[in-house]
C-alpha atoms as a PDB file:
ATOM      1  CA  MET A   1    -127.034-141.277 -62.237  1.00  0.00           C
ATOM      2  CA  LEU A   2    -127.895-143.623 -59.577  1.00  0.00           C
ATOM      3  CA  SER A   3    -129.187-147.314 -60.128  1.00  0.00           C
ATOM      4  CA  GLY A   4    -133.182-146.991 -60.165  1.00  0.00           C
ATOM      5  CA  SER A   5    -132.887-143.386 -60.048  1.00  0.00           C
ATOM      6  CA  ILE A   6    -133.672-140.408 -62.306  1.00  0.00           C
ATOM      7  CA  GLN A   7    -132.224-136.897 -61.321  1.00  0.00           C
ATOM      8  CA  ILE A   8    -132.643-134.467 -63.754  1.00  0.00           C
ATOM      9  CA  SER A   9    -132.276-130.403 -62.481  1.00  0.00           C
ATOM     10  CA  GLY A  10    -133.100-127.195 -64.214  1.00  0.00           C
ATOM     11  CA  GLU A  11    -133.104-128.894 -67.812  1.00  0.00           C
ATOM     12  CA  THR A  12    -136.218-128.326 -70.389  1.00  0.00           C
ATOM     13  CA  LEU A  13    -137.361-131.945 -71.249  1.00  0.00           C
ATOM     14  CA  SER A  14    -138.288-132.914 -74.132  1.00  0.00           C
ATOM     15  CA  SER A  15    -140.797-135.436 -75.512  1.00  0.00           C
ATOM     16  CA  ALA A  16    -138.521-138.012 -76.113  1.00  0.00           C
ATOM     17  CA  GLU A  17    -137.036-137.867 -72.736  1.00  0.00           C
ATOM     18  CA  VAL A  18    -140.684-137.830 -70.956  1.00  0.00           C
ATOM     19  CA  LYS A  19    -141.357-141.374 -73.242  1.00  0.00           C
ATOM     20  CA  ASP A  20    -137.872-142.458 -71.263  1.00  0.00           C
ATOM     21  CA  ILE A  21    -139.140-141.377 -67.719  1.00  0.00           C
ATOM     22  CA  CYS A  22    -142.666-142.601 -68.313  1.00  0.00           C
ATOM     23  CA  ASP A  23    -141.296-146.051 -69.688  1.00  0.00           C
ATOM     24  CA  SER A  24    -139.109-146.487 -66.237  1.00  0.00           C
ATOM     25  CA  LEU A  25    -141.928-145.698 -64.405  1.00  0.00           C
ATOM     26  CA  ARG A  26    -144.287-148.424 -66.107  1.00  0.00           C
ATOM     27  CA  ALA A  27    -141.223-151.072 -65.512  1.00  0.00           C
ATOM     28  CA  ASN A  28    -141.373-149.759 -61.671  1.00  0.00           C
ATOM     29  CA  SER A  29    -137.387-149.547 -62.287  1.00  0.00           C
ATOM     30  CA  VAL A  30    -137.216-146.135 -60.544  1.00  0.00           C
ATOM     31  CA  ARG A  31    -137.181-145.583 -56.788  1.00  0.00           C
ATOM     32  CA  LEU A  32    -136.289-141.673 -57.197  1.00  0.00           C
ATOM     33  CA  LEU A  33    -137.487-139.402 -59.595  1.00  0.00           C
ATOM     34  CA  SER A  34    -135.803-136.175 -58.938  1.00  0.00           C
ATOM     35  CA  LEU A  35    -136.891-133.143 -61.903  1.00  0.00           C
ATOM     36  CA  ARG A  36    -135.770-130.311 -59.879  1.00  0.00           C
ATOM     37  CA  GLY A  37    -136.354-126.858 -61.949  1.00  0.00           C
ATOM     38  CA  CYS A  38    -137.143-128.753 -64.863  1.00  0.00           C
ATOM     39  CA  HIS A  39    -139.472-127.192 -67.803  1.00  0.00           C
ATOM     40  CA  ILE A  40    -142.128-129.716 -68.814  1.00  0.00           C
ATOM     41  CA  SER A  41    -144.969-128.821 -71.308  1.00  0.00           C
ATOM     42  CA  ASP A  42    -148.827-129.291 -69.791  1.00  0.00           C
ATOM     43  CA  ARG A  43    -148.668-132.590 -71.943  1.00  0.00           C
ATOM     44  CA  ASP A  44    -145.852-133.894 -70.750  1.00  0.00           C
ATOM     45  CA  PHE A  45    -146.650-133.254 -66.772  1.00  0.00           C
ATOM     46  CA  HIS A  46    -149.982-135.026 -67.390  1.00  0.00           C
ATOM     47  CA  ARG A  47    -148.028-137.970 -69.136  1.00  0.00           C
ATOM     48  CA  ILE A  48    -145.545-138.590 -65.975  1.00  0.00           C
ATOM     49  CA  SER A  49    -148.083-137.847 -63.432  1.00  0.00           C
ATOM     50  CA  ARG A  50    -150.398-141.063 -64.839  1.00  0.00           C
ATOM     51  CA  HIS A  51    -147.283-143.171 -64.499  1.00  0.00           C
ATOM     52  CA  VAL A  52    -146.368-141.997 -61.528  1.00  0.00           C
ATOM     53  CA  ALA A  53    -149.900-142.892 -60.037  1.00  0.00           C
ATOM     54  CA  ASP A  54    -149.410-146.659 -61.109  1.00  0.00           C
ATOM     55  CA  CYS A  55    -145.883-146.756 -60.321  1.00  0.00           C
ATOM     56  CA  GLN A  56    -145.068-149.791 -57.294  1.00  0.00           C
ATOM     57  CA  SER A  57    -141.230-148.663 -56.972  1.00  0.00           C
ATOM     58  CA  LEU A  58    -141.204-144.914 -56.418  1.00  0.00           C
ATOM     59  CA  ALA A  59    -140.114-143.752 -53.105  1.00  0.00           C
ATOM     60  CA  GLN A  60    -139.139-140.048 -53.512  1.00  0.00           C
ATOM     61  CA  LEU A  61    -140.486-137.701 -55.640  1.00  0.00           C
ATOM     62  CA  ASN A  62    -138.723-134.383 -56.436  1.00  0.00           C
ATOM     63  CA  LEU A  63    -140.579-131.788 -57.857  1.00  0.00           C
ATOM     64  CA  ASN A  64    -138.475-128.723 -56.413  1.00  0.00           C
ATOM     65  CA  LEU A  65    -138.533-125.152 -57.822  1.00  0.00           C
ATOM     66  CA  GLY A  66    -141.577-124.740 -59.995  1.00  0.00           C
ATOM     67  CA  VAL A  67    -142.330-128.006 -61.560  1.00  0.00           C
ATOM     68  CA  VAL A  68    -145.865-128.262 -60.177  1.00  0.00           C
ATOM     69  CA  SER A  69    -146.434-124.391 -61.674  1.00  0.00           C
ATOM     70  CA  ASN A  70    -150.073-124.452 -61.769  1.00  0.00           C
ATOM     71  CA  ILE A  71    -153.404-125.194 -60.276  1.00  0.00           C
ATOM     72  CA  ASN A  72    -154.672-127.758 -63.034  1.00  0.00           C
ATOM     73  CA  ARG A  73    -150.648-129.056 -62.531  1.00  0.00           C
ATOM     74  CA  VAL A  74    -151.777-129.701 -58.349  1.00  0.00           C
ATOM     75  CA  LYS A  75    -154.541-131.557 -59.356  1.00  0.00           C
ATOM     76  CA  GLN A  76    -152.820-133.862 -61.894  1.00  0.00           C
ATOM     77  CA  LEU A  77    -150.302-134.600 -58.865  1.00  0.00           C
ATOM     78  CA  ALA A  78    -153.176-134.998 -56.183  1.00  0.00           C
ATOM     79  CA  GLU A  79    -154.743-137.837 -58.618  1.00  0.00           C
ATOM     80  CA  ALA A  80    -151.610-139.387 -59.200  1.00  0.00           C
ATOM     81  CA  LEU A  81    -150.845-139.722 -55.460  1.00  0.00           C
ATOM     82  CA  ALA A  82    -154.370-141.063 -54.906  1.00  0.00           C
ATOM     83  CA  SER A  83    -153.576-144.024 -56.403  1.00  0.00           C
ATOM     84  CA  ASN A  84    -149.658-144.251 -55.586  1.00  0.00           C
ATOM     85  CA  ARG A  85    -149.263-146.475 -52.558  1.00  0.00           C
ATOM     86  CA  SER A  86    -145.331-146.486 -52.581  1.00  0.00           C
ATOM     87  CA  ILE A  87    -143.917-142.766 -52.174  1.00  0.00           C
ATOM     88  CA  HIS A  88    -142.753-142.126 -48.750  1.00  0.00           C
ATOM     89  CA  SER A  89    -141.173-138.756 -49.918  1.00  0.00           C
ATOM     90  CA  LEU A  90    -142.381-136.046 -51.476  1.00  0.00           C
ATOM     91  CA  PHE A  91    -140.590-132.865 -52.556  1.00  0.00           C
ATOM     92  CA  LEU A  92    -142.629-129.845 -53.238  1.00  0.00           C
ATOM     93  CA  HIS A  93    -139.791-126.989 -52.224  1.00  0.00           C
ATOM     94  CA  GLY A  94    -140.381-123.459 -54.434  1.00  0.00           C
ATOM     95  CA  THR A  95    -143.640-124.340 -55.591  1.00  0.00           C
ATOM     96  CA  PRO A  96    -146.023-121.788 -55.619  1.00  0.00           C
ATOM     97  CA  LEU A  97    -148.981-123.902 -54.044  1.00  0.00           C
ATOM     98  CA  THR A  98    -150.346-121.254 -51.891  1.00  0.00           C
ATOM     99  CA  ASP A  99    -153.337-122.469 -49.736  1.00  0.00           C
ATOM    100  CA  SER A 100    -155.671-123.262 -51.999  1.00  0.00           C
ATOM    101  CA  GLY A 101    -153.467-125.006 -54.072  1.00  0.00           C
ATOM    102  CA  LEU A 102    -152.625-127.149 -50.783  1.00  0.00           C
ATOM    103  CA  ALA A 103    -156.127-127.791 -50.307  1.00  0.00           C
ATOM    104  CA  VAL A 104    -156.280-129.566 -53.192  1.00  0.00           C
ATOM    105  CA  LEU A 105    -153.520-132.205 -52.103  1.00  0.00           C
ATOM    106  CA  ILE A 106    -154.214-132.315 -48.309  1.00  0.00           C
ATOM    107  CA  PRO A 107    -157.146-134.876 -48.282  1.00  0.00           C
ATOM    108  CA  VAL A 108    -154.747-137.479 -50.948  1.00  0.00           C
ATOM    109  CA  LEU A 109    -151.525-136.593 -48.222  1.00  0.00           C
ATOM    110  CA  SER A 110    -153.569-137.290 -45.499  1.00  0.00           C
ATOM    111  CA  LEU A 111    -154.941-140.692 -46.843  1.00  0.00           C
ATOM    112  CA  HIS A 112    -151.210-142.065 -48.452  1.00  0.00           C
ATOM    113  CA  PRO A 113    -150.148-144.965 -46.756  1.00  0.00           C
ATOM    114  CA  SER A 114    -146.743-144.584 -47.068  1.00  0.00           C
ATOM    115  CA  LEU A 115    -145.723-140.781 -47.227  1.00  0.00           C
ATOM    116  CA  ILE A 116    -143.459-140.151 -43.965  1.00  0.00           C
ATOM    117  CA  SER A 117    -141.295-137.064 -45.679  1.00  0.00           C
ATOM    118  CA  LEU A 118    -142.924-133.781 -47.082  1.00  0.00           C
ATOM    119  CA  ASP A 119    -140.895-130.801 -48.041  1.00  0.00           C
ATOM    120  CA  LEU A 120    -143.306-127.683 -48.118  1.00  0.00           C
ATOM    121  CA  GLY A 121    -140.814-125.479 -48.084  1.00  0.00           C
ATOM    122  CA  ASP A 122    -140.918-121.486 -49.881  1.00  0.00           C
ATOM    123  CA  CYS A 123    -144.887-122.634 -50.944  1.00  0.00           C
ATOM    124  CA  ILE A 124    -146.589-119.150 -50.215  1.00  0.00           C
ATOM    125  CA  LEU A 125    -148.439-120.899 -47.421  1.00  0.00           C
ATOM    126  CA  GLY A 126    -150.265-118.744 -44.610  1.00  0.00           C
ATOM    127  CA  ASP A 127    -152.295-119.922 -41.914  1.00  0.00           C
ATOM    128  CA  GLU A 128    -155.040-121.772 -43.335  1.00  0.00           C
ATOM    129  CA  GLY A 129    -152.612-123.957 -44.921  1.00  0.00           C
ATOM    130  CA  MET A 130    -151.063-124.542 -42.058  1.00  0.00           C
ATOM    131  CA  ASN A 131    -154.062-125.658 -40.007  1.00  0.00           C
ATOM    132  CA  LEU A 132    -154.238-128.405 -43.335  1.00  0.00           C
ATOM    133  CA  ILE A 133    -150.657-129.171 -42.621  1.00  0.00           C
ATOM    134  CA  CYS A 134    -151.544-130.086 -39.370  1.00  0.00           C
ATOM    135  CA  GLY A 135    -153.888-132.707 -39.831  1.00  0.00           C
ATOM    136  CA  LEU A 136    -151.103-134.881 -41.012  1.00  0.00           C
ATOM    137  CA  LEU A 137    -149.592-134.664 -37.498  1.00  0.00           C
ATOM    138  CA  PRO A 138    -151.703-136.747 -36.111  1.00  0.00           C
ATOM    139  CA  PRO A 139    -152.357-137.232 -31.896  1.00  0.00           C
ATOM    140  CA  ASP A 140    -151.030-139.912 -30.089  1.00  0.00           C
ATOM    141  CA  GLY A 141    -151.980-143.345 -31.395  1.00  0.00           C
ATOM    142  CA  ALA A 142    -154.629-142.017 -34.086  1.00  0.00           C
ATOM    143  CA  LYS A 143    -152.228-143.299 -37.174  1.00  0.00           C
ATOM    144  CA  SER A 144    -149.217-142.855 -38.472  1.00  0.00           C
ATOM    145  CA  GLY A 145    -148.590-139.420 -39.495  1.00  0.00           C
ATOM    146  CA  LEU A 146    -145.227-137.426 -40.662  1.00  0.00           C
ATOM    147  CA  LYS A 147    -141.838-138.047 -39.302  1.00  0.00           C
ATOM    148  CA  GLU A 148    -140.362-135.126 -41.423  1.00  0.00           C
ATOM    149  CA  LEU A 149    -141.840-131.711 -42.011  1.00  0.00           C
ATOM    150  CA  THR A 150    -140.171-128.672 -43.851  1.00  0.00           C
ATOM    151  CA  LEU A 151    -141.591-125.659 -43.973  1.00  0.00           C
ATOM    152  CA  SER A 152    -139.129-123.200 -44.557  1.00  0.00           C
ATOM    153  CA  ALA A 153    -139.299-119.453 -46.155  1.00  0.00           C
ATOM    154  CA  ASN A 154    -142.902-119.151 -45.849  1.00  0.00           C
ATOM    155  CA  PRO A 155    -143.223-116.157 -44.297  1.00  0.00           C
ATOM    156  CA  ALA A 156    -146.828-114.755 -44.372  1.00  0.00           C
ATOM    157  CA  ILE A 157    -147.732-117.831 -41.717  1.00  0.00           C
ATOM    158  CA  THR A 158    -148.844-115.763 -38.605  1.00  0.00           C
ATOM    159  CA  VAL A 159    -148.710-116.087 -34.786  1.00  0.00           C
ATOM    160  CA  LYS A 160    -152.245-117.962 -35.088  1.00  0.00           C
ATOM    161  CA  GLY A 161    -150.742-120.477 -37.717  1.00  0.00           C
ATOM    162  CA  TRP A 162    -147.680-121.222 -35.768  1.00  0.00           C
ATOM    163  CA  ALA A 163    -150.009-121.811 -32.156  1.00  0.00           C
ATOM    164  CA  HIS A 164    -151.735-124.408 -34.447  1.00  0.00           C
ATOM    165  CA  LEU A 165    -148.555-126.076 -35.587  1.00  0.00           C
ATOM    166  CA  ALA A 166    -146.585-125.914 -32.043  1.00  0.00           C
ATOM    167  CA  ILE A 167    -150.316-127.907 -30.597  1.00  0.00           C
ATOM    168  CA  ALA A 168    -149.526-130.240 -33.394  1.00  0.00           C
ATOM    169  CA  VAL A 169    -146.515-131.132 -32.755  1.00  0.00           C
ATOM    170  CA  ALA A 170    -146.711-131.634 -28.738  1.00  0.00           C
ATOM    171  CA  HIS A 171    -149.407-134.177 -29.482  1.00  0.00           C
ATOM    172  CA  SER A 172    -147.821-135.500 -32.663  1.00  0.00           C
ATOM    173  CA  SER A 173    -146.403-139.224 -31.741  1.00  0.00           C
ATOM    174  CA  GLN A 174    -144.425-139.763 -35.156  1.00  0.00           C
ATOM    175  CA  LEU A 175    -142.398-136.425 -36.065  1.00  0.00           C
ATOM    176  CA  ARG A 176    -138.607-136.650 -35.578  1.00  0.00           C
ATOM    177  CA  VAL A 177    -137.483-133.582 -38.502  1.00  0.00           C
ATOM    178  CA  LEU A 178    -138.956-130.129 -38.015  1.00  0.00           C
ATOM    179  CA  ASN A 179    -137.300-127.838 -40.721  1.00  0.00           C
ATOM    180  CA  LEU A 180    -138.547-124.124 -39.877  1.00  0.00           C
ATOM    181  CA  ASP A 181    -135.762-122.248 -41.158  1.00  0.00           C
ATOM    182  CA  TYR A 182    -135.856-118.741 -42.565  1.00  0.00           C
ATOM    183  CA  ASN A 183    -139.257-117.850 -40.974  1.00  0.00           C
ATOM    184  CA  PRO A 184    -139.816-114.801 -39.081  1.00  0.00           C
ATOM    185  CA  LEU A 185    -140.729-116.443 -35.822  1.00  0.00           C
ATOM    186  CA  GLY A 186    -139.472-114.138 -33.209  1.00  0.00           C
ATOM    187  CA  ASP A 187    -139.318-114.742 -29.297  1.00  0.00           C
ATOM    188  CA  HIS A 188    -143.037-115.348 -29.125  1.00  0.00           C
ATOM    189  CA  VAL A 189    -143.596-117.963 -31.796  1.00  0.00           C
ATOM    190  CA  ALA A 190    -139.968-119.867 -30.381  1.00  0.00           C
ATOM    191  CA  GLY A 191    -141.781-119.543 -26.889  1.00  0.00           C
ATOM    192  CA  MET A 192    -144.417-121.757 -28.387  1.00  0.00           C
ATOM    193  CA  LEU A 193    -142.686-124.331 -30.017  1.00  0.00           C
ATOM    194  CA  ALA A 194    -140.140-124.849 -27.310  1.00  0.00           C
ATOM    195  CA  VAL A 195    -143.138-126.175 -25.351  1.00  0.00           C
ATOM    196  CA  ALA A 196    -144.544-128.052 -27.711  1.00  0.00           C
ATOM    197  CA  VAL A 197    -140.741-129.743 -28.390  1.00  0.00           C
ATOM    198  CA  ALA A 198    -140.689-130.266 -24.645  1.00  0.00           C
ATOM    199  CA  SER A 199    -143.744-132.195 -24.658  1.00  0.00           C
ATOM    200  CA  SER A 200    -143.059-134.244 -27.669  1.00  0.00           C
ATOM    201  CA  ARG A 201    -141.505-137.721 -27.103  1.00  0.00           C
ATOM    202  CA  THR A 202    -140.190-138.306 -30.736  1.00  0.00           C
ATOM    203  CA  LEU A 203    -138.671-134.508 -31.992  1.00  0.00           C
ATOM    204  CA  GLU A 204    -135.118-135.119 -32.741  1.00  0.00           C
ATOM    205  CA  VAL A 205    -133.905-131.933 -34.980  1.00  0.00           C
ATOM    206  CA  VAL A 206    -135.277-128.525 -35.160  1.00  0.00           C
ATOM    207  CA  ASP A 207    -133.913-126.065 -37.991  1.00  0.00           C
ATOM    208  CA  LEU A 208    -133.895-122.952 -36.472  1.00  0.00           C
ATOM    209  CA  GLU A 209    -131.736-120.719 -39.081  1.00  0.00           C
ATOM    210  CA  GLY A 210    -132.669-117.573 -39.663  1.00  0.00           C
ATOM    211  CA  THR A 211    -135.658-117.108 -37.350  1.00  0.00           C
ATOM    212  CA  GLY A 212    -135.013-113.369 -35.960  1.00  0.00           C
ATOM    213  CA  LEU A 213    -134.451-115.255 -32.722  1.00  0.00           C
ATOM    214  CA  THR A 214    -133.262-113.337 -29.497  1.00  0.00           C
ATOM    215  CA  ASN A 215    -131.266-114.083 -26.386  1.00  0.00           C
ATOM    216  CA  GLN A 216    -135.126-114.685 -24.877  1.00  0.00           C
ATOM    217  CA  SER A 217    -135.412-117.462 -27.017  1.00  0.00           C
ATOM    218  CA  ALA A 218    -131.956-118.659 -25.893  1.00  0.00           C
ATOM    219  CA  GLN A 219    -132.837-118.613 -22.105  1.00  0.00           C
ATOM    220  CA  MET A 220    -135.926-120.685 -23.227  1.00  0.00           C
ATOM    221  CA  GLN A 221    -134.280-123.531 -25.357  1.00  0.00           C
ATOM    222  CA  ASP A 222    -131.345-123.622 -22.697  1.00  0.00           C
ATOM    223  CA  HIS A 223    -133.758-124.539 -19.781  1.00  0.00           C
ATOM    224  CA  ARG A 224    -135.943-126.864 -22.155  1.00  0.00           C
ATOM    225  CA  LEU A 225    -132.118-128.850 -23.373  1.00  0.00           C
ATOM    226  CA  SER A 226    -131.246-129.128 -19.738  1.00  0.00           C
ATOM    227  CA  SER A 227    -134.558-130.492 -18.746  1.00  0.00           C
ATOM    228  CA  CYS A 228    -134.415-132.833 -21.668  1.00  0.00           C
ATOM    229  CA  GLN A 229    -134.814-136.098 -21.324  1.00  0.00           C
ATOM    230  CA  ARG A 230    -133.531-137.454 -25.285  1.00  0.00           C
ATOM    231  CA  GLY A 231    -131.472-135.792 -27.354  1.00  0.00           C
ATOM    232  CA  LEU A 232    -132.157-133.206 -29.485  1.00  0.00           C
ATOM    233  CA  LYS A 233    -130.417-131.443 -32.284  1.00  0.00           C
ATOM    234  CA  ILE A 234    -130.819-127.578 -33.122  1.00  0.00           C
ATOM    235  CA  PRO A 235    -128.647-127.060 -36.195  1.00  0.00           C
ATOM    236  CA  TYR A 236    -127.408-123.679 -37.421  1.00  0.00           C
ATOM    237  CA  TRP A 237    -128.692-121.984 -34.014  1.00  0.00           C
ATOM    238  CA  GLN A 238    -125.232-120.237 -33.629  1.00  0.00           C
ATOM    239  CA  LYS A 239    -126.527-117.888 -36.534  1.00  0.00           C
ATOM    240  CA  GLN A 240    -129.164-116.382 -34.388  1.00  0.00           C
ATOM    241  CA  LYS A 241    -128.759-112.815 -32.646  1.00  0.00           C
ATOM    242  CA  CYS A 242    -127.736-114.380 -29.148  1.00  0.00           C
ATOM    243  CA  ASP A 243    -124.938-113.998 -26.920  1.00  0.00           C
ATOM    244  CA  SER A 244    -122.424-116.422 -27.472  1.00  0.00           C
ATOM    245  CA  PHE A 245    -122.240-117.969 -24.174  1.00  0.00           C
ATOM    246  CA  LEU A 246    -125.771-118.825 -24.427  1.00  0.00           C
ATOM    247  CA  MET A 247    -125.364-120.213 -27.791  1.00  0.00           C
ATOM    248  CA  ASN A 248    -122.196-122.449 -27.010  1.00  0.00           C
ATOM    249  CA  HIS A 249    -123.946-123.649 -24.071  1.00  0.00           C
ATOM    250  CA  ILE A 250    -127.259-124.312 -26.189  1.00  0.00           C
ATOM    251  CA  LEU A 251    -124.707-126.334 -28.692  1.00  0.00           C
ATOM    252  CA  THR A 252    -123.138-128.299 -26.437  1.00  0.00           C
ATOM    253  CA  SER A 253    -126.192-129.647 -24.436  1.00  0.00           C
ATOM    254  CA  ALA A 254    -128.057-129.981 -28.055  1.00  0.00           C
ATOM    255  CA  PHE A 255    -125.216-131.972 -29.694  1.00  0.00           C
END
């Protein structure tokens, strides 16, 4: 365990362990709290949330893989984030959040003064959720927003939702990293995103692994990279269903 970090994965936490976590949060001695996949009683989750609210040292909070397992916990997390001022990275990957749960979180996330990285991968989000997320990507000059956004594995989002994201990305003045892997994007959505990425002045990395893109998308990406004035990384592009010559050219241009 690193100094200033508490990292526990897949365990059932006892009340004594929760007390130690809360004491560390109260002492402002924790920068990273990761409880990935842990089983925590409702009472103990509430205790941890209260101390997260007041902690001034906490920079990264990882509650991946179902820790925030119901709407009551979503509300408690929202209350904690409304008071907290230090968290810059929040990881909720694999949370059964849904659009209704995200609607509870978004108002506090949009007002958080430090949040720059958000992982909402595999959170059962749809188009309504995507509309809410776009509010975290303010246009140029509006206010600070996310620099890193993960939306992996949210297959219920339709073309309409991705269109809203493309518009937000095109105008965002902050976003650097966008992870869209394992969404069934297809060529049509990829085309919209290609235009958005070309318009963005800040985007540096776009992860499109496992998104079902074909030669049509590869040709668009090849053209975009050829005319792009900044470096842009597209990890795992080689795993798409594209011609090997195009893939090699894209990878050479991107890296």
